[in-house]
Amino acid sequence: MNYKITGDNLQIVTVELNEKERVYAEAGAMVYMSPNIKMEAKARGGILKGIGRKFAGETFFLTEFFPEGGTGMVGFGGNAPGTIMPLEIDAGREFIVQKDAFLCAEDGVELSITFQKRLGSIFFGGEGFILEKLSGKGLAFIHACGDFIEKDLKEGESIRVDTGSVVGWESRVDYDIQRVKGIKTIFFGGEGLFLTTLRGPGKIVLQSMTLHNLAMALAPFLPQQGQTSGRSGVLGTLLDETLGK
């Protein structure tokens, strides 16, 4: 399977498939495909794993794509401005990602749910207690807002990160939530009560912008209910219709 990631911060990954090769993706991730690509919705892993994906906030059914009559291609994109990253998954390199980070994967990659292991992570993680696990063997693609920051932590090396900025980490990386120290820092620091601590060894992936922060930054510029947008022309009309005006 060959692939190409195009774009800057509104990226699309185009996957080229030979016959007998398959990829699967979340519902709605497909942007375009060649005429010989066939689609098939499946509850991969059975009913229980489908229910698990629903608990994680994903779709019960995943869509499989495969070519007929020669090589085909299919393009996938995320649901928000951001970037796409390939992850090589194998028996010695399973990956844990936050919900909504998964975009698509080869047929040999298994997508399942896993749970936060520590009480601090469960109650104060900001991302819920259900995570997604990528295992098996093959190539997977993840998507997140902004740009990616990759770090390979050494044995015993740790880093503290804004909780929402953590996209994923190798399963061997230790993950926990710690409270910010100092009353003044808590109330006036503007960084929240808790930070995520990641401890190596292993690879971690961070994002420069969270979807929540993006929404908060745009909120002051969006028209409130009962107000006119002040936009004109075809673009303004389309934006108004998109926003439900």
Protein backbone atom coordinates (compact mmCIF):
# COMPACT_ATOMS: atom_id res chain seq x y z
CA MET A 1 0.00 0.00 0.00
CA ASN A 2 1.32 3.41 -1.00
CA TYR A 3 0.16 6.71 0.42
CA LYS A 4 0.70 10.45 0.05
CA ILE A 5 -0.19 13.19 2.51
CA THR A 6 -0.95 16.54 0.84
CA GLY A 7 -1.83 19.98 2.15
CA ASP A 8 -0.53 22.17 4.91
CA ASN A 9 -2.92 22.38 7.88
CA LEU A 10 -5.98 21.02 6.08
CA GLN A 11 -4.39 17.77 5.07
CA ILE A 12 -5.66 14.77 3.12
CA VAL A 13 -4.04 11.34 2.92
CA THR A 14 -4.44 9.55 -0.42
CA VAL A 15 -4.02 5.77 -0.24
CA GLU A 16 -3.24 3.66 -3.31
CA LEU A 17 -4.56 0.11 -3.03
CA ASN A 18 -3.73 -2.96 -5.06
CA GLU A 19 -6.23 -5.75 -5.47
CA LYS A 20 -6.77 -7.71 -2.21
CA GLU A 21 -5.62 -4.70 -0.17
CA ARG A 22 -8.11 -3.00 2.13
CA VAL A 23 -8.28 0.02 4.38
CA TYR A 24 -10.99 1.01 6.83
CA ALA A 25 -11.98 4.38 8.23
CA GLU A 26 -14.45 6.18 10.42
CA ALA A 27 -17.77 6.99 8.77
CA GLY A 28 -17.53 10.28 6.87
CA ALA A 29 -13.71 10.34 6.60
CA MET A 30 -13.63 9.58 2.86
CA VAL A 31 -13.14 12.66 0.66
CA TYR A 32 -12.78 11.12 -2.81
CA MET A 33 -12.06 7.77 -4.48
CA SER A 34 -11.50 6.23 -7.90
CA PRO A 35 -14.51 4.62 -9.64
CA ASN A 36 -13.30 1.04 -8.99
CA ILE A 37 -13.17 1.46 -5.20
CA LYS A 38 -15.93 -0.40 -3.38
CA MET A 39 -17.24 0.49 0.09
CA GLU A 40 -18.63 -1.85 2.71
CA ALA A 41 -19.82 -0.93 6.23
CA LYS A 42 -18.79 -3.48 8.86
CA ALA A 43 -18.90 -3.87 12.62
CA ARG A 44 -15.23 -4.83 12.72
CA GLY A 45 -14.40 -7.17 15.57
CA GLY A 46 -18.02 -8.07 16.17
CA ILE A 47 -20.88 -6.54 18.11
CA LEU A 48 -19.00 -6.11 21.40
CA LYS A 49 -16.17 -4.14 19.82
CA GLY A 50 -18.72 -2.09 17.90
CA ILE A 51 -20.45 -1.23 21.17
CA GLY A 52 -17.08 -0.35 22.65
CA ARG A 53 -16.44 2.10 19.84
CA LYS A 54 -19.81 3.73 20.52
CA PHE A 55 -18.76 4.22 24.17
CA ALA A 56 -15.58 5.87 22.92
CA GLY A 57 -17.67 8.32 20.89
CA GLU A 58 -16.93 6.67 17.53
CA THR A 59 -19.26 4.96 15.08
CA PHE A 60 -20.56 1.41 15.56
CA PHE A 61 -19.80 0.57 11.92
CA LEU A 62 -16.50 1.25 10.19
CA THR A 63 -16.29 1.56 6.40
CA GLU A 64 -13.94 -0.71 4.47
CA PHE A 65 -12.55 0.31 1.07
CA PHE A 66 -11.08 -2.05 -1.54
CA PRO A 67 -10.45 -1.91 -5.32
CA GLU A 68 -11.91 -4.16 -8.01
CA GLY A 69 -10.32 -4.65 -11.42
CA GLY A 70 -6.91 -3.16 -10.71
CA THR A 71 -5.28 -0.49 -8.58
CA GLY A 72 -7.52 2.11 -6.95
CA MET A 73 -7.14 5.14 -4.73
CA VAL A 74 -9.09 6.74 -1.92
CA GLY A 75 -8.52 9.99 -0.02
CA PHE A 76 -9.32 10.63 3.65
CA GLY A 77 -9.52 13.86 5.63
CA GLY A 78 -10.22 14.89 9.21
CA ASN A 79 -13.29 16.72 10.51
CA ALA A 80 -11.40 19.87 11.56
CA PRO A 81 -8.37 21.90 10.40
CA GLY A 82 -5.26 19.94 11.26
CA THR A 83 -2.60 17.50 10.16
CA ILE A 84 -2.34 13.77 9.49
CA MET A 85 0.37 11.40 10.71
CA PRO A 86 1.18 7.78 9.75
CA LEU A 87 1.89 5.30 12.55
CA GLU A 88 3.61 1.97 11.96
CA ILE A 89 1.89 -0.58 14.20
CA ASP A 90 3.28 -4.02 15.05
CA ALA A 91 3.45 -6.49 17.94
CA GLY A 92 6.16 -4.49 19.69
CA ARG A 93 4.66 -1.08 19.04
CA GLU A 94 1.04 -0.68 20.00
CA PHE A 95 -0.28 2.86 20.24
CA ILE A 96 -2.82 4.52 22.53
CA VAL A 97 -4.63 7.57 21.10
CA GLN A 98 -7.28 9.94 22.38
CA LYS A 99 -10.77 9.42 21.03
CA ASP A 100 -11.46 11.06 17.65
CA ALA A 101 -7.76 10.87 16.70
CA PHE A 102 -8.12 7.74 14.54
CA LEU A 103 -8.63 8.41 10.83
CA CYS A 104 -8.01 5.19 8.86
CA ALA A 105 -5.82 2.08 8.82
CA GLU A 106 -4.76 -0.97 6.88
CA ASP A 107 -6.82 -4.11 7.31
CA GLY A 108 -4.18 -5.70 9.58
CA VAL A 109 -4.49 -2.97 12.22
CA GLU A 110 -7.01 -3.56 15.00
CA LEU A 111 -8.88 -0.63 16.54
CA SER A 112 -10.22 -1.29 20.04
CA ILE A 113 -10.95 0.63 23.21
CA THR A 114 -8.90 0.74 26.37
CA PHE A 115 -9.34 2.50 29.70
CA GLN A 116 -7.39 4.95 31.81
CA LYS A 117 -5.58 2.99 34.51
CA ARG A 118 -5.33 5.63 37.22
CA LEU A 119 -7.99 7.54 39.09
CA GLY A 120 -6.32 10.87 38.42
CA SER A 121 -6.39 10.23 34.68
CA ILE A 122 -10.03 9.10 34.78
CA PHE A 123 -11.49 12.00 36.74
CA PHE A 124 -9.24 14.87 35.69
CA GLY A 125 -7.92 13.89 32.27
CA GLY A 126 -10.29 16.11 30.36
CA GLU A 127 -10.64 13.48 27.61
CA GLY A 128 -12.79 10.92 29.46
CA PHE A 129 -11.69 7.53 30.72
CA ILE A 130 -12.02 5.70 27.38
CA LEU A 131 -9.11 5.74 24.93
CA GLU A 132 -8.47 3.97 21.62
CA LYS A 133 -5.83 1.30 21.11
CA LEU A 134 -4.14 0.52 17.79
CA SER A 135 -2.63 -2.97 17.67
CA GLY A 136 -1.94 -5.74 15.16
CA LYS A 137 0.33 -5.06 12.19
CA GLY A 138 0.17 -2.41 9.50
CA LEU A 139 -0.07 1.31 8.88
CA ALA A 140 -2.57 3.57 10.64
CA PHE A 141 -3.23 7.29 10.25
CA ILE A 142 -4.22 9.71 12.98
CA HIS A 143 -5.52 13.28 12.72
CA ALA A 144 -5.48 16.21 15.13
CA CYS A 145 -5.80 20.01 15.14
CA GLY A 146 -2.83 22.24 14.46
CA ASP A 147 0.59 20.69 13.93
CA PHE A 148 2.06 17.54 15.46
CA ILE A 149 4.99 17.49 17.85
CA GLU A 150 6.75 14.13 18.11
CA LYS A 151 9.07 13.21 20.97
CA ASP A 152 10.95 10.01 21.78
CA LEU A 153 11.28 9.83 25.54
CA LYS A 154 14.20 7.91 27.00
CA GLU A 155 13.96 5.54 29.93
CA GLY A 156 12.86 7.59 32.96
CA GLU A 157 12.56 10.83 30.94
CA SER A 158 9.28 12.66 31.51
CA ILE A 159 7.39 15.66 30.20
CA ARG A 160 4.36 17.56 31.51
CA VAL A 161 1.79 18.60 28.93
CA ASP A 162 -1.54 20.43 28.77
CA THR A 163 -3.99 17.51 28.91
CA GLY A 164 -5.91 18.36 25.75
CA SER A 165 -2.68 18.63 23.76
CA VAL A 166 -1.83 14.94 24.14
CA VAL A 167 -2.77 12.99 21.00
CA GLY A 168 -1.22 9.60 21.66
CA TRP A 169 1.66 7.54 22.97
CA GLU A 170 3.21 4.11 22.71
CA SER A 171 1.56 1.68 25.09
CA ARG A 172 4.76 1.30 27.13
CA VAL A 173 4.76 5.01 28.05
CA ASP A 174 3.53 5.72 31.58
CA TYR A 175 0.62 8.20 31.66
CA ASP A 176 -0.85 10.08 34.61
CA ILE A 177 -2.52 13.36 35.61
CA GLN A 178 -1.01 15.60 38.27
CA ARG A 179 -2.49 18.65 39.96
CA VAL A 180 -0.89 22.04 39.41
CA LYS A 181 0.80 23.28 42.59
CA GLY A 182 0.13 26.67 44.14
CA ILE A 183 -3.21 28.38 44.80
CA LYS A 184 -2.28 31.49 42.80
CA THR A 185 -1.17 29.43 39.82
CA ILE A 186 -4.40 27.40 39.93
CA PHE A 187 -6.69 30.43 39.90
CA PHE A 188 -4.71 32.89 37.78
CA GLY A 189 -2.36 30.76 35.67
CA GLY A 190 -4.93 30.15 32.97
CA GLU A 191 -3.68 26.60 32.39
CA GLY A 192 -6.27 24.63 34.35
CA LEU A 193 -5.94 22.54 37.49
CA PHE A 194 -4.19 19.49 36.04
CA LEU A 195 -1.37 18.59 33.66
CA THR A 196 -0.59 15.29 31.98
CA THR A 197 2.71 13.63 32.86
CA LEU A 198 4.18 11.24 30.27
CA ARG A 199 7.18 9.14 31.26
CA GLY A 200 9.37 7.12 28.90
CA PRO A 201 10.61 5.09 27.30
CA GLY A 202 8.54 5.48 24.14
CA LYS A 203 7.21 7.82 21.49
CA ILE A 204 4.59 10.46 22.24
CA VAL A 205 2.59 12.69 19.89
CA LEU A 206 1.30 16.14 20.87
CA GLN A 207 -0.80 18.71 19.00
CA SER A 208 -0.20 22.46 18.86
CA MET A 209 -3.93 23.33 18.85
CA THR A 210 -6.89 21.58 20.43
CA LEU A 211 -10.36 21.56 18.92
CA HIS A 212 -11.69 23.18 22.11
CA ASN A 213 -9.20 26.06 21.90
CA LEU A 214 -9.98 26.52 18.21
CA ALA A 215 -13.70 26.77 18.97
CA MET A 216 -13.06 29.25 21.80
CA ALA A 217 -10.90 31.42 19.55
CA LEU A 218 -13.59 31.53 16.84
CA ALA A 219 -16.56 31.99 19.17
CA PRO A 220 -16.30 35.84 19.49
CA PHE A 221 -16.46 36.19 15.70
CA LEU A 222 -19.50 33.98 15.15
CA PRO A 223 -22.90 35.68 14.98
CA GLN A 224 -25.15 35.16 17.96
CA GLN A 225 -28.75 34.03 17.62
CA GLY A 226 -30.94 36.90 16.43
CA GLN A 227 -28.02 38.81 14.96
CA THR A 228 -27.16 39.19 11.30
CA SER A 229 -23.76 38.05 10.21
CA GLY A 230 -22.88 41.13 8.19
CA ARG A 231 -21.55 38.89 5.41
CA SER A 232 -22.51 39.41 1.81
CA GLY A 233 -22.15 37.58 -1.46
CA VAL A 234 -22.18 33.88 -2.26
CA LEU A 235 -19.52 33.02 0.35
CA GLY A 236 -21.42 34.83 3.08
CA THR A 237 -24.64 33.06 2.14
CA LEU A 238 -22.93 29.67 2.23
CA LEU A 239 -21.37 30.41 5.62
CA ASP A 240 -24.74 31.51 6.99
CA GLU A 241 -26.36 28.31 5.74
CA THR A 242 -23.56 26.22 7.23
CA LEU A 243 -24.04 27.90 10.59
CA GLY A 244 -27.77 27.33 10.39
CA LYS A 245 -28.85 30.94 9.86
